C-alpha atoms as a PDB file:
ATOM      1  CA  MET A   1     -34.638  28.515   2.321  1.00  0.00           C
ATOM      2  CA  THR A   2     -33.247  25.238   0.453  1.00  0.00           C
ATOM      3  CA  THR A   3     -31.789  22.702   2.728  1.00  0.00           C
ATOM      4  CA  TYR A   4     -29.942  19.121   1.516  1.00  0.00           C
ATOM      5  CA  THR A   5     -29.013  16.802   4.765  1.00  0.00           C
ATOM      6  CA  SER A   6     -26.867  13.691   4.437  1.00  0.00           C
ATOM      7  CA  SER A   7     -27.669  10.569   6.431  1.00  0.00           C
ATOM      8  CA  TRP A   8     -24.621   9.697   8.998  1.00  0.00           C
ATOM      9  CA  ILE A   9     -21.745   8.254   6.918  1.00  0.00           C
ATOM     10  CA  ARG A  10     -19.487   6.078   8.604  1.00  0.00           C
ATOM     11  CA  ALA A  11     -15.739   5.327   7.341  1.00  0.00           C
ATOM     12  CA  TYR A  12     -13.310   3.312   8.642  1.00  0.00           C
ATOM     13  CA  THR A  13      -9.478   3.719   9.252  1.00  0.00           C
ATOM     14  CA  ASN A  14      -7.113   1.708   7.023  1.00  0.00           C
ATOM     15  CA  ILE A  15      -3.357   1.030   7.460  1.00  0.00           C
ATOM     16  CA  ALA A  16      -0.940   1.094   5.007  1.00  0.00           C
ATOM     17  CA  LEU A  17       1.005  -2.368   4.384  1.00  0.00           C
ATOM     18  CA  ILE A  18       3.107  -0.824   1.331  1.00  0.00           C
ATOM     19  CA  LYS A  19       3.370   2.829   2.294  1.00  0.00           C
ATOM     20  CA  TYR A  20       2.225   6.143   0.125  1.00  0.00           C
ATOM     21  CA  TRP A  21       5.148   8.070   1.050  1.00  0.00           C
ATOM     22  CA  GLY A  22       5.851  11.337  -1.482  1.00  0.00           C
ATOM     23  CA  LYS A  23       3.304  12.950  -3.848  1.00  0.00           C
ATOM     24  CA  ALA A  24       3.704  13.594  -7.412  1.00  0.00           C
ATOM     25  CA  ASP A  25       1.261  16.318  -7.348  1.00  0.00           C
ATOM     26  CA  GLU A  26       0.410  18.772  -4.635  1.00  0.00           C
ATOM     27  CA  VAL A  27      -2.904  19.678  -5.602  1.00  0.00           C
ATOM     28  CA  LEU A  28      -4.487  16.821  -7.070  1.00  0.00           C
ATOM     29  CA  LYS A  29      -2.901  14.839  -4.392  1.00  0.00           C
ATOM     30  CA  LEU A  30      -1.074  11.988  -6.948  1.00  0.00           C
ATOM     31  CA  PRO A  31       1.355   9.644  -5.290  1.00  0.00           C
ATOM     32  CA  LYS A  32       4.230   8.804  -6.522  1.00  0.00           C
ATOM     33  CA  ASN A  33       3.675   4.944  -5.488  1.00  0.00           C
ATOM     34  CA  ASN A  34       1.232   2.622  -5.511  1.00  0.00           C
ATOM     35  CA  SER A  35       0.182   1.593  -1.908  1.00  0.00           C
ATOM     36  CA  ILE A  36      -1.400  -1.441  -0.017  1.00  0.00           C
ATOM     37  CA  SER A  37      -3.657  -1.117   2.885  1.00  0.00           C
ATOM     38  CA  LEU A  38      -5.864  -2.958   5.017  1.00  0.00           C
ATOM     39  CA  THR A  39      -9.064  -1.233   6.520  1.00  0.00           C
ATOM     40  CA  LEU A  40      -9.866  -1.906   9.831  1.00  0.00           C
ATOM     41  CA  ASP A  41     -12.863  -2.099  12.383  1.00  0.00           C
ATOM     42  CA  SER A  42     -11.777  -0.424  15.769  1.00  0.00           C
ATOM     43  CA  PHE A  43     -11.217   3.091  14.479  1.00  0.00           C
ATOM     44  CA  TYR A  44     -13.671   5.483  12.194  1.00  0.00           C
ATOM     45  CA  THR A  45     -15.312   8.864  11.914  1.00  0.00           C
ATOM     46  CA  ASP A  46     -18.756   9.357  11.357  1.00  0.00           C
ATOM     47  CA  THR A  47     -20.022  12.414   9.528  1.00  0.00           C
ATOM     48  CA  LEU A  48     -23.355  14.351   8.457  1.00  0.00           C
ATOM     49  CA  VAL A  49     -23.199  17.213   6.136  1.00  0.00           C
ATOM     50  CA  GLN A  50     -26.267  20.040   5.720  1.00  0.00           C
ATOM     51  CA  PHE A  51     -26.102  22.446   2.827  1.00  0.00           C
ATOM     52  CA  ASP A  52     -28.270  25.571   3.579  1.00  0.00           C
ATOM     53  CA  SER A  53     -29.045  28.301   1.338  1.00  0.00           C
ATOM     54  CA  ARG A  54     -29.120  30.167   4.885  1.00  0.00           C
ATOM     55  CA  PHE A  55     -25.634  29.422   5.893  1.00  0.00           C
ATOM     56  CA  THR A  56     -22.833  32.397   5.325  1.00  0.00           C
ATOM     57  CA  ALA A  57     -19.732  30.319   5.439  1.00  0.00           C
ATOM     58  CA  ASP A  58     -18.664  26.354   5.638  1.00  0.00           C
ATOM     59  CA  THR A  59     -18.400  25.342   9.162  1.00  0.00           C
ATOM     60  CA  LEU A  60     -16.789  21.931  10.299  1.00  0.00           C
ATOM     61  CA  THR A  61     -16.991  21.210  13.726  1.00  0.00           C
ATOM     62  CA  ILE A  62     -15.413  17.725  15.189  1.00  0.00           C
ATOM     63  CA  ASP A  63     -16.050  15.869  18.398  1.00  0.00           C
ATOM     64  CA  GLY A  64     -18.291  19.331  19.280  1.00  0.00           C
ATOM     65  CA  GLN A  65     -14.946  21.908  18.433  1.00  0.00           C
ATOM     66  CA  ASP A  66     -15.028  24.086  16.101  1.00  0.00           C
ATOM     67  CA  GLN A  67     -12.503  23.799  13.419  1.00  0.00           C
ATOM     68  CA  ASN A  68     -10.357  26.363  11.277  1.00  0.00           C
ATOM     69  CA  GLY A  69      -6.856  26.081   9.520  1.00  0.00           C
ATOM     70  CA  ALA A  70      -5.764  23.004   7.910  1.00  0.00           C
ATOM     71  CA  ALA A  71      -8.885  20.439   9.103  1.00  0.00           C
ATOM     72  CA  LEU A  72     -11.426  23.160   7.502  1.00  0.00           C
ATOM     73  CA  LYS A  73      -9.067  24.241   4.451  1.00  0.00           C
ATOM     74  CA  LYS A  74      -8.979  20.196   3.658  1.00  0.00           C
ATOM     75  CA  ALA A  75     -12.786  19.693   3.984  1.00  0.00           C
ATOM     76  CA  LYS A  76     -13.559  22.826   1.587  1.00  0.00           C
ATOM     77  CA  ILE A  77     -11.890  21.110  -1.196  1.00  0.00           C
ATOM     78  CA  ILE A  78     -14.113  18.375  -1.308  1.00  0.00           C
ATOM     79  CA  LEU A  79     -17.323  20.673  -0.458  1.00  0.00           C
ATOM     80  CA  ASP A  80     -15.986  22.841  -3.583  1.00  0.00           C
ATOM     81  CA  LEU A  81     -15.607  19.547  -5.690  1.00  0.00           C
ATOM     82  CA  VAL A  82     -19.068  18.266  -4.566  1.00  0.00           C
ATOM     83  CA  ARG A  83     -20.979  21.857  -5.286  1.00  0.00           C
ATOM     84  CA  GLU A  84     -19.743  22.198  -9.264  1.00  0.00           C
ATOM     85  CA  ILE A  85     -20.711  18.482  -9.533  1.00  0.00           C
ATOM     86  CA  ALA A  86     -24.084  19.389  -8.124  1.00  0.00           C
ATOM     87  CA  GLN A  87     -24.281  22.798  -9.597  1.00  0.00           C
ATOM     88  CA  VAL A  88     -25.062  24.115  -6.250  1.00  0.00           C
ATOM     89  CA  ASP A  89     -23.252  26.892  -4.373  1.00  0.00           C
ATOM     90  CA  TYR A  90     -24.709  26.630  -0.842  1.00  0.00           C
ATOM     91  CA  ASN A  91     -22.619  26.588   2.312  1.00  0.00           C
ATOM     92  CA  ALA A  92     -22.429  23.436   4.568  1.00  0.00           C
ATOM     93  CA  LYS A  93     -22.263  22.443   8.077  1.00  0.00           C
ATOM     94  CA  ILE A  94     -20.477  19.433   8.660  1.00  0.00           C
ATOM     95  CA  THR A  95     -20.707  17.513  11.841  1.00  0.00           C
ATOM     96  CA  SER A  96     -17.984  14.976  12.574  1.00  0.00           C
ATOM     97  CA  LEU A  97     -17.561  12.587  15.249  1.00  0.00           C
ATOM     98  CA  ASN A  98     -13.967  10.911  15.319  1.00  0.00           C
ATOM     99  CA  TYR A  99     -13.485   7.812  16.810  1.00  0.00           C
ATOM    100  CA  VAL A 100      -9.648   7.687  15.989  1.00  0.00           C
ATOM    101  CA  PRO A 101      -7.173  10.252  17.961  1.00  0.00           C
ATOM    102  CA  THR A 102      -6.447  12.768  15.341  1.00  0.00           C
ATOM    103  CA  ALA A 103      -2.727  13.624  13.457  1.00  0.00           C
ATOM    104  CA  ALA A 104      -1.093  10.635  15.580  1.00  0.00           C
ATOM    105  CA  GLY A 105      -0.194   8.247  12.966  1.00  0.00           C
ATOM    106  CA  LEU A 106      -3.504   6.638  13.296  1.00  0.00           C
ATOM    107  CA  ALA A 107      -5.617   7.744   9.920  1.00  0.00           C
ATOM    108  CA  SER A 108      -7.547   9.872  11.517  1.00  0.00           C
ATOM    109  CA  SER A 109      -7.413  12.263   8.113  1.00  0.00           C
ATOM    110  CA  ALA A 110      -8.128   8.911   6.068  1.00  0.00           C
ATOM    111  CA  SER A 111     -11.679   8.179   7.833  1.00  0.00           C
ATOM    112  CA  GLY A 112     -12.500  11.648   8.314  1.00  0.00           C
ATOM    113  CA  LEU A 113     -12.158  12.957   4.574  1.00  0.00           C
ATOM    114  CA  ALA A 114     -13.401   9.827   3.187  1.00  0.00           C
ATOM    115  CA  ALA A 115     -16.442  10.146   5.647  1.00  0.00           C
ATOM    116  CA  LEU A 116     -16.892  13.607   4.210  1.00  0.00           C
ATOM    117  CA  ALA A 117     -16.849  12.633   0.590  1.00  0.00           C
ATOM    118  CA  GLY A 118     -19.279  10.063   1.037  1.00  0.00           C
ATOM    119  CA  ALA A 119     -21.707  12.734   3.239  1.00  0.00           C
ATOM    120  CA  ALA A 120     -21.657  15.298   1.027  1.00  0.00           C
ATOM    121  CA  SER A 121     -22.337  13.498  -2.076  1.00  0.00           C
ATOM    122  CA  ASN A 122     -24.803  11.878  -0.445  1.00  0.00           C
ATOM    123  CA  ALA A 123     -26.529  15.211   1.141  1.00  0.00           C
ATOM    124  CA  LEU A 124     -26.701  16.145  -2.730  1.00  0.00           C
ATOM    125  CA  GLU A 125     -27.783  12.706  -3.797  1.00  0.00           C
ATOM    126  CA  LEU A 126     -24.882  12.507  -6.622  1.00  0.00           C
ATOM    127  CA  ASN A 127     -24.857   8.537  -6.427  1.00  0.00           C
ATOM    128  CA  LEU A 128     -21.360   8.565  -7.066  1.00  0.00           C
ATOM    129  CA  SER A 129     -19.721   5.334  -7.649  1.00  0.00           C
ATOM    130  CA  ASP A 130     -17.293   3.730  -5.163  1.00  0.00           C
ATOM    131  CA  THR A 131     -14.381   4.523  -7.732  1.00  0.00           C
ATOM    132  CA  ASP A 132     -15.825   8.250  -7.735  1.00  0.00           C
ATOM    133  CA  LEU A 133     -15.802   8.378  -4.278  1.00  0.00           C
ATOM    134  CA  SER A 134     -12.440   7.230  -3.860  1.00  0.00           C
ATOM    135  CA  ARG A 135     -11.323   9.872  -6.691  1.00  0.00           C
ATOM    136  CA  LEU A 136     -12.867  12.981  -4.428  1.00  0.00           C
ATOM    137  CA  ALA A 137     -11.872  11.722  -1.016  1.00  0.00           C
ATOM    138  CA  ARG A 138      -8.116  11.594  -2.342  1.00  0.00           C
ATOM    139  CA  ARG A 139      -8.494  15.209  -3.111  1.00  0.00           C
ATOM    140  CA  GLY A 140      -8.904  15.575   0.647  1.00  0.00           C
ATOM    141  CA  SER A 141      -6.703  13.202   1.908  1.00  0.00           C
ATOM    142  CA  GLY A 142      -4.320  10.790  -0.039  1.00  0.00           C
ATOM    143  CA  SER A 143      -4.984   7.864   2.305  1.00  0.00           C
ATOM    144  CA  ALA A 144      -8.702   8.729   2.354  1.00  0.00           C
ATOM    145  CA  SER A 145      -8.901   7.297  -1.093  1.00  0.00           C
ATOM    146  CA  ARG A 146      -8.831   3.970   0.463  1.00  0.00           C
ATOM    147  CA  SER A 147     -11.020   4.299   3.240  1.00  0.00           C
ATOM    148  CA  ILE A 148     -13.934   3.976   0.804  1.00  0.00           C
ATOM    149  CA  PHE A 149     -13.415   0.237   0.620  1.00  0.00           C
ATOM    150  CA  GLY A 150     -13.290  -2.592   3.173  1.00  0.00           C
ATOM    151  CA  GLY A 151     -10.421  -5.143   3.679  1.00  0.00           C
ATOM    152  CA  PHE A 152      -7.221  -4.975   1.280  1.00  0.00           C
ATOM    153  CA  VAL A 153      -7.296  -1.848  -0.869  1.00  0.00           C
ATOM    154  CA  GLU A 154      -4.461  -1.223  -3.494  1.00  0.00           C
ATOM    155  CA  TRP A 155      -4.580   2.801  -4.466  1.00  0.00           C
ATOM    156  CA  GLU A 156      -3.092   2.728  -7.770  1.00  0.00           C
ATOM    157  CA  LYS A 157      -0.804   6.151  -8.657  1.00  0.00           C
ATOM    158  CA  GLY A 158      -2.457   6.697 -11.876  1.00  0.00           C
ATOM    159  CA  HIS A 159      -1.265   9.821 -13.758  1.00  0.00           C
ATOM    160  CA  SER A 160      -4.134  12.122 -13.867  1.00  0.00           C
ATOM    161  CA  ASP A 161      -7.161  12.863 -11.482  1.00  0.00           C
ATOM    162  CA  VAL A 162      -9.065  10.318 -13.101  1.00  0.00           C
ATOM    163  CA  THR A 163      -6.657   7.162 -13.118  1.00  0.00           C
ATOM    164  CA  SER A 164      -5.337   7.957  -9.702  1.00  0.00           C
ATOM    165  CA  VAL A 165      -7.912   5.658  -7.687  1.00  0.00           C
ATOM    166  CA  ALA A 166      -7.819   2.822  -4.785  1.00  0.00           C
ATOM    167  CA  LYS A 167      -9.893  -0.060  -6.111  1.00  0.00           C
ATOM    168  CA  PRO A 168     -10.411  -3.399  -3.844  1.00  0.00           C
ATOM    169  CA  LEU A 169      -7.877  -6.126  -3.668  1.00  0.00           C
ATOM    170  CA  ASP A 170      -9.185  -9.011  -1.198  1.00  0.00           C
ATOM    171  CA  ASP A 171     -12.042  -8.974   1.337  1.00  0.00           C
ATOM    172  CA  ALA A 172      -9.887  -9.913   4.315  1.00  0.00           C
ATOM    173  CA  ASN A 173     -12.118 -12.764   4.975  1.00  0.00           C
ATOM    174  CA  TRP A 174      -9.511 -14.837   6.413  1.00  0.00           C
ATOM    175  CA  ASP A 175      -7.197 -14.628   9.972  1.00  0.00           C
ATOM    176  CA  ILE A 176      -5.655 -11.329   9.887  1.00  0.00           C
ATOM    177  CA  GLY A 177      -5.904  -8.612  12.250  1.00  0.00           C
ATOM    178  CA  MET A 178      -4.072  -5.857  14.045  1.00  0.00           C
ATOM    179  CA  LEU A 179      -2.975  -4.815  17.596  1.00  0.00           C
ATOM    180  CA  PHE A 180      -2.361  -1.245  18.082  1.00  0.00           C
ATOM    181  CA  ILE A 181      -0.326   0.016  20.338  1.00  0.00           C
ATOM    182  CA  ILE A 182      -1.294   3.663  21.593  1.00  0.00           C
ATOM    183  CA  LEU A 183       2.121   5.138  22.658  1.00  0.00           C
ATOM    184  CA  ASP A 184       1.146   9.003  21.919  1.00  0.00           C
ATOM    185  CA  SER A 185      -2.453   9.977  20.945  1.00  0.00           C
ATOM    186  CA  ARG A 186      -1.223  13.838  20.458  1.00  0.00           C
ATOM    187  CA  GLN A 187      -0.912  15.849  17.202  1.00  0.00           C
ATOM    188  CA  LYS A 188       2.499  15.109  15.980  1.00  0.00           C
ATOM    189  CA  ALA A 189       5.115  17.735  15.221  1.00  0.00           C
ATOM    190  CA  VAL A 190       5.948  16.935  11.632  1.00  0.00           C
ATOM    191  CA  SER A 191       2.592  16.605   9.619  1.00  0.00           C
ATOM    192  CA  SER A 192       2.490  13.880   7.091  1.00  0.00           C
ATOM    193  CA  SER A 193       2.278  16.132   4.499  1.00  0.00           C
ATOM    194  CA  GLU A 194       5.084  18.139   5.627  1.00  0.00           C
ATOM    195  CA  GLY A 195       7.490  15.128   6.166  1.00  0.00           C
ATOM    196  CA  MET A 196       6.835  13.806   2.536  1.00  0.00           C
ATOM    197  CA  SER A 197       7.144  17.060   1.085  1.00  0.00           C
ATOM    198  CA  ARG A 198      10.802  17.508   3.059  1.00  0.00           C
ATOM    199  CA  THR A 199      11.786  13.784   2.437  1.00  0.00           C
ATOM    200  CA  VAL A 200      10.937  13.793  -1.392  1.00  0.00           C
ATOM    201  CA  ALA A 201      12.714  17.145  -1.966  1.00  0.00           C
ATOM    202  CA  THR A 202      15.542  16.621   0.103  1.00  0.00           C
ATOM    203  CA  SER A 203      16.372  12.634   1.322  1.00  0.00           C
ATOM    204  CA  VAL A 204      19.334  10.724  -0.493  1.00  0.00           C
ATOM    205  CA  PHE A 205      17.388   7.948   0.370  1.00  0.00           C
ATOM    206  CA  TYR A 206      14.217   8.623  -1.302  1.00  0.00           C
ATOM    207  CA  PRO A 207      15.329   7.336  -4.883  1.00  0.00           C
ATOM    208  CA  ALA A 208      16.100   3.718  -3.441  1.00  0.00           C
ATOM    209  CA  TRP A 209      12.489   4.000  -2.015  1.00  0.00           C
ATOM    210  CA  LEU A 210      11.048   4.230  -5.264  1.00  0.00           C
ATOM    211  CA  GLU A 211      13.498   1.662  -6.919  1.00  0.00           C
ATOM    212  CA  THR A 212      12.323  -0.840  -4.745  1.00  0.00           C
ATOM    213  CA  ILE A 213       8.756  -0.197  -4.198  1.00  0.00           C
ATOM    214  CA  GLU A 214       7.255  -2.183  -7.471  1.00  0.00           C
ATOM    215  CA  LEU A 215       8.852  -5.557  -6.088  1.00  0.00           C
ATOM    216  CA  ASP A 216       7.244  -4.760  -2.555  1.00  0.00           C
ATOM    217  CA  LEU A 217       3.971  -4.137  -4.210  1.00  0.00           C
ATOM    218  CA  ALA A 218       4.138  -7.378  -6.353  1.00  0.00           C
ATOM    219  CA  ASN A 219       5.168  -9.803  -3.018  1.00  0.00           C
ATOM    220  CA  MET A 220       2.464  -7.931  -1.179  1.00  0.00           C
ATOM    221  CA  ARG A 221      -0.272  -8.781  -3.860  1.00  0.00           C
ATOM    222  CA  GLN A 222       0.979 -12.423  -3.874  1.00  0.00           C
ATOM    223  CA  ALA A 223       1.289 -13.030  -0.223  1.00  0.00           C
ATOM    224  CA  ILE A 224      -2.338 -11.446   0.251  1.00  0.00           C
ATOM    225  CA  THR A 225      -3.303 -13.821  -2.210  1.00  0.00           C
ATOM    226  CA  ASP A 226      -2.033 -16.937  -0.809  1.00  0.00           C
ATOM    227  CA  GLN A 227      -3.298 -15.725   2.523  1.00  0.00           C
ATOM    228  CA  ASN A 228       0.161 -15.694   4.039  1.00  0.00           C
ATOM    229  CA  ILE A 229       0.599 -14.130   7.490  1.00  0.00           C
ATOM    230  CA  GLN A 230       3.993 -14.385   7.959  1.00  0.00           C
ATOM    231  CA  GLN A 231       4.890 -12.984   4.305  1.00  0.00           C
ATOM    232  CA  VAL A 232       2.221 -10.265   4.569  1.00  0.00           C
ATOM    233  CA  GLY A 233       4.244  -9.548   8.004  1.00  0.00           C
ATOM    234  CA  GLU A 234       7.806  -9.678   6.678  1.00  0.00           C
ATOM    235  CA  ILE A 235       6.895  -7.077   3.690  1.00  0.00           C
ATOM    236  CA  ALA A 236       4.769  -4.945   5.997  1.00  0.00           C
ATOM    237  CA  GLU A 237       7.520  -4.483   8.404  1.00  0.00           C
ATOM    238  CA  ARG A 238      10.612  -4.016   5.761  1.00  0.00           C
ATOM    239  CA  ASN A 239       8.637  -1.655   3.645  1.00  0.00           C
ATOM    240  CA  ALA A 240       7.733   0.570   6.894  1.00  0.00           C
ATOM    241  CA  LEU A 241      11.505   0.685   8.055  1.00  0.00           C
ATOM    242  CA  LYS A 242      12.202   1.631   4.611  1.00  0.00           C
ATOM    243  CA  MET A 243       9.796   4.725   4.808  1.00  0.00           C
ATOM    244  CA  HIS A 244      10.821   5.920   8.101  1.00  0.00           C
ATOM    245  CA  GLY A 245      14.500   5.322   6.693  1.00  0.00           C
ATOM    246  CA  THR A 246      14.051   7.855   4.186  1.00  0.00           C
ATOM    247  CA  ASN A 247      13.139  10.633   6.616  1.00  0.00           C
ATOM    248  CA  LEU A 248      16.492  10.471   8.310  1.00  0.00           C
ATOM    249  CA  GLY A 249      18.077  10.940   5.169  1.00  0.00           C
ATOM    250  CA  ALA A 250      16.024  14.429   4.468  1.00  0.00           C
ATOM    251  CA  ASN A 251      17.497  18.015   5.308  1.00  0.00           C
ATOM    252  CA  PRO A 252      16.853  18.473   8.053  1.00  0.00           C
ATOM    253  CA  PRO A 253      16.262  14.769   9.128  1.00  0.00           C
ATOM    254  CA  PHE A 254      13.187  14.177  11.331  1.00  0.00           C
ATOM    255  CA  THR A 255      11.958  10.958  12.724  1.00  0.00           C
ATOM    256  CA  TYR A 256       8.465  10.090  13.981  1.00  0.00           C
ATOM    257  CA  TRP A 257       9.499   7.163  16.207  1.00  0.00           C
ATOM    258  CA  SER A 258      10.100   7.890  19.837  1.00  0.00           C
ATOM    259  CA  ALA A 259      11.956   5.856  22.448  1.00  0.00           C
ATOM    260  CA  GLU A 260       8.651   4.467  23.145  1.00  0.00           C
ATOM    261  CA  SER A 261       8.258   3.180  19.719  1.00  0.00           C
ATOM    262  CA  LEU A 262      11.777   1.407  19.813  1.00  0.00           C
ATOM    263  CA  ARG A 263      10.623  -0.281  22.832  1.00  0.00           C
ATOM    264  CA  ALA A 264       7.714  -1.414  21.174  1.00  0.00           C
ATOM    265  CA  MET A 265       9.441  -2.717  18.200  1.00  0.00           C
ATOM    266  CA  GLU A 266      12.045  -4.675  20.665  1.00  0.00           C
ATOM    267  CA  HIS A 267       8.677  -6.186  22.011  1.00  0.00           C
ATOM    268  CA  VAL A 268       7.891  -7.389  18.832  1.00  0.00           C
ATOM    269  CA  ARG A 269      11.490  -9.018  18.402  1.00  0.00           C
ATOM    270  CA  GLN A 270      11.207 -10.652  21.427  1.00  0.00           C
ATOM    271  CA  LEU A 271       7.509 -12.093  20.660  1.00  0.00           C
ATOM    272  CA  ARG A 272       9.128 -13.366  17.000  1.00  0.00           C
ATOM    273  CA  GLN A 273      12.100 -15.233  19.138  1.00  0.00           C
ATOM    274  CA  GLU A 274       9.376 -17.040  21.194  1.00  0.00           C
ATOM    275  CA  GLY A 275       7.643 -18.256  18.507  1.00  0.00           C
ATOM    276  CA  TYR A 276       5.106 -15.745  18.010  1.00  0.00           C
ATOM    277  CA  ASN A 277       4.346 -14.971  14.155  1.00  0.00           C
ATOM    278  CA  VAL A 278       3.989 -11.208  14.687  1.00  0.00           C
ATOM    279  CA  TYR A 279       5.663  -8.520  12.548  1.00  0.00           C
ATOM    280  CA  PHE A 280       4.981  -4.339  13.011  1.00  0.00           C
ATOM    281  CA  THR A 281       4.452  -1.521  10.649  1.00  0.00           C
ATOM    282  CA  MET A 282       4.796   2.134  11.501  1.00  0.00           C
ATOM    283  CA  ASP A 283       3.011   5.360   9.924  1.00  0.00           C
ATOM    284  CA  ALA A 284       3.790   9.023  10.591  1.00  0.00           C
ATOM    285  CA  GLY A 285       3.715   9.061  14.136  1.00  0.00           C
ATOM    286  CA  PRO A 286       5.039   7.513  17.185  1.00  0.00           C
ATOM    287  CA  ASN A 287       2.714   4.237  17.551  1.00  0.00           C
ATOM    288  CA  VAL A 288       3.026   0.565  16.762  1.00  0.00           C
ATOM    289  CA  LYS A 289       0.387  -1.579  14.962  1.00  0.00           C
ATOM    290  CA  LEU A 290       1.649  -5.031  14.913  1.00  0.00           C
ATOM    291  CA  ILE A 291       0.182  -7.814  12.271  1.00  0.00           C
ATOM    292  CA  SER A 292      -0.528 -11.294  13.040  1.00  0.00           C
ATOM    293  CA  THR A 293      -3.469 -13.484  13.072  1.00  0.00           C
ATOM    294  CA  CYS A 294      -6.269 -12.353  15.687  1.00  0.00           C
ATOM    295  CA  GLN A 295      -5.611 -15.253  17.711  1.00  0.00           C
ATOM    296  CA  GLU A 296      -2.172 -15.034  18.426  1.00  0.00           C
ATOM    297  CA  LEU A 297      -2.753 -11.027  18.947  1.00  0.00           C
ATOM    298  CA  LYS A 298      -5.321 -11.775  21.541  1.00  0.00           C
ATOM    299  CA  GLU A 299      -2.544 -13.655  23.330  1.00  0.00           C
ATOM    300  CA  ILE A 300      -0.222 -11.159  22.819  1.00  0.00           C
ATOM    301  CA  LYS A 301      -2.027  -8.384  23.939  1.00  0.00           C
ATOM    302  CA  GLU A 302      -2.304 -10.135  26.993  1.00  0.00           C
ATOM    303  CA  ARG A 303       1.556 -10.773  27.222  1.00  0.00           C
ATOM    304  CA  LEU A 304       2.133  -6.792  26.373  1.00  0.00           C
ATOM    305  CA  SER A 305      -0.517  -5.735  29.310  1.00  0.00           C
ATOM    306  CA  LYS A 306       2.269  -5.879  31.880  1.00  0.00           C
ATOM    307  CA  TYR A 307       4.129  -2.775  29.717  1.00  0.00           C
ATOM    308  CA  TYR A 308       0.719  -0.771  28.683  1.00  0.00           C
ATOM    309  CA  ASP A 309      -2.618   0.069  30.418  1.00  0.00           C
ATOM    310  CA  PRO A 310      -5.494  -1.590  28.602  1.00  0.00           C
ATOM    311  CA  ALA A 311      -6.605   1.821  26.648  1.00  0.00           C
ATOM    312  CA  GLN A 312      -2.869   1.511  25.303  1.00  0.00           C
ATOM    313  CA  LEU A 313      -3.944  -1.892  23.584  1.00  0.00           C
ATOM    314  CA  ILE A 314      -6.371  -1.788  20.840  1.00  0.00           C
ATOM    315  CA  LEU A 315      -7.428  -5.135  18.953  1.00  0.00           C
ATOM    316  CA  ALA A 316      -8.599  -4.645  15.049  1.00  0.00           C
ATOM    317  CA  GLN A 317      -9.947  -6.839  12.680  1.00  0.00           C
ATOM    318  CA  PRO A 318     -10.253  -6.209   8.947  1.00  0.00           C
ATOM    319  CA  GLY A 319     -13.292  -3.591   8.535  1.00  0.00           C
ATOM    320  CA  PRO A 320     -16.043  -2.288   5.693  1.00  0.00           C
ATOM    321  CA  GLY A 321     -16.280   0.087   3.441  1.00  0.00           C
ATOM    322  CA  LEU A 322     -18.011   3.350   3.489  1.00  0.00           C
ATOM    323  CA  THR A 323     -21.312   2.745   5.451  1.00  0.00           C
ATOM    324  CA  VAL A 324     -24.418   4.452   5.861  1.00  0.00           C
ATOM    325  CA  LEU A 325     -26.106   4.391   9.326  1.00  0.00           C
ATOM    326  CA  PRO A 326     -29.565   3.815   9.962  1.00  0.00           C
ATOM    327  CA  ASP A 327     -31.549   6.699  11.400  1.00  0.00           C
ATOM    328  CA  HIS A 328     -31.456   6.131  15.047  1.00  0.00           C
ATOM    329  CA  VAL A 329     -27.473   6.564  14.987  1.00  0.00           C
ATOM    330  CA  HIS A 330     -26.734   9.688  16.418  1.00  0.00           C
ATOM    331  CA  ALA A 331     -30.531  10.977  16.403  1.00  0.00           C
ATOM    332  CA  ASP A 332     -29.805  12.931  19.184  1.00  0.00           C
ATOM    333  CA  ILE A 333     -27.566  15.355  17.217  1.00  0.00           C
ATOM    334  CA  THR A 334     -29.356  15.095  14.321  1.00  0.00           C
ATOM    335  CA  PRO A 335     -30.454  18.389  13.097  1.00  0.00           C
ATOM    336  CA  ASN A 336     -34.419  18.228  11.972  1.00  0.00           C
END
C-alpha cells in the first residue's frame, strides 16, 4: 500500500479586468489574447488530494457531492499531467470545498482548478515553481492560471504550452476593491467554454475584439502602475462591454445578461452621476462586479442595500496567491 496525501491548498478567485475570451488551442487552452486580472479574498476553493495504490478510479467530491461529467474530466487532465511528471500511476481522491457559487460567472473554475494543481503537485512533492503551477492549472481552466498569484496578474497568451503562463503584475497594495452583486448563483445555460467557441467561430464582431485588445492591455498596465482607479475602472468596463458585444454577434446570438444585470448596471451609472468613482465588469454569467476604492464601495454597499439582500452584496479586497493551509484547518475531514 502506497499513499500520498497533500496539505489543504487554498486558491482564491480572480476577476479579469481585461478579459480572456477565445482560445487559439482548445486542448492546450492557449488564449487568443493576453488578459489581466485581480485576485480577490472573498471567494476561494480549498482542496486536498490523496493518491493511493488501492484506489480503483479517480474521484472528485465538491462540498460532499460526488462529481462526474465536466468537473471530473477537467480534474483528470491535471491529475494525468501530475502523474506523468511524478511517474506514478495511482488513482486519486480529490476533496474540494468551494466557497464560490459554481458556474455562475464568479470564477469558481479558476479557484477550483488552481487549488487542484497546487494540491496534486503538493501530494507528490513535486516542488513546482509558481510558473509551472500556472501552466498546469491552465490545462484545467484557462483563468485558473491567474489564480496561482495574488494581486494584479497578467496571463500571457504565448504560443505554446511552455510560453502561455501567468505572471504577477502588481501586488495591489493600494486602495482598490470589488463589490459583487450576486443576482443569480445558479449554473448558467451557456458555459464559458461553449460561449467562447461559438463566438470565435461565428461572431462578426470578434475580429474587432482582437484588433482593440492590445491597446486595452497597454492602457490597463499603465493605469495599474499609476494606481489610477478611474482609468482602471473605465478601461475594465469598456472591455467587458466589448466582450459581451461579441456574443450578440455570434450565430446563434446569446447573452449572459439578465434584466437584473441591466438594472445593476443602471445603478452604477446613477452612482457615477452622483459623484461616485465606480465602474462595473461582468464575466460569463449575470452577476455584476463593481470596481472602486474600498472606502467608496462600503458606502455604495450601504446605498444598494435597499435594492438587494445582504447576502447579494459581497465586498472583496485584493487577495493572495496559492496558500498552504495549517494542519488544523479542516482537520475534521482530513483523511488519516
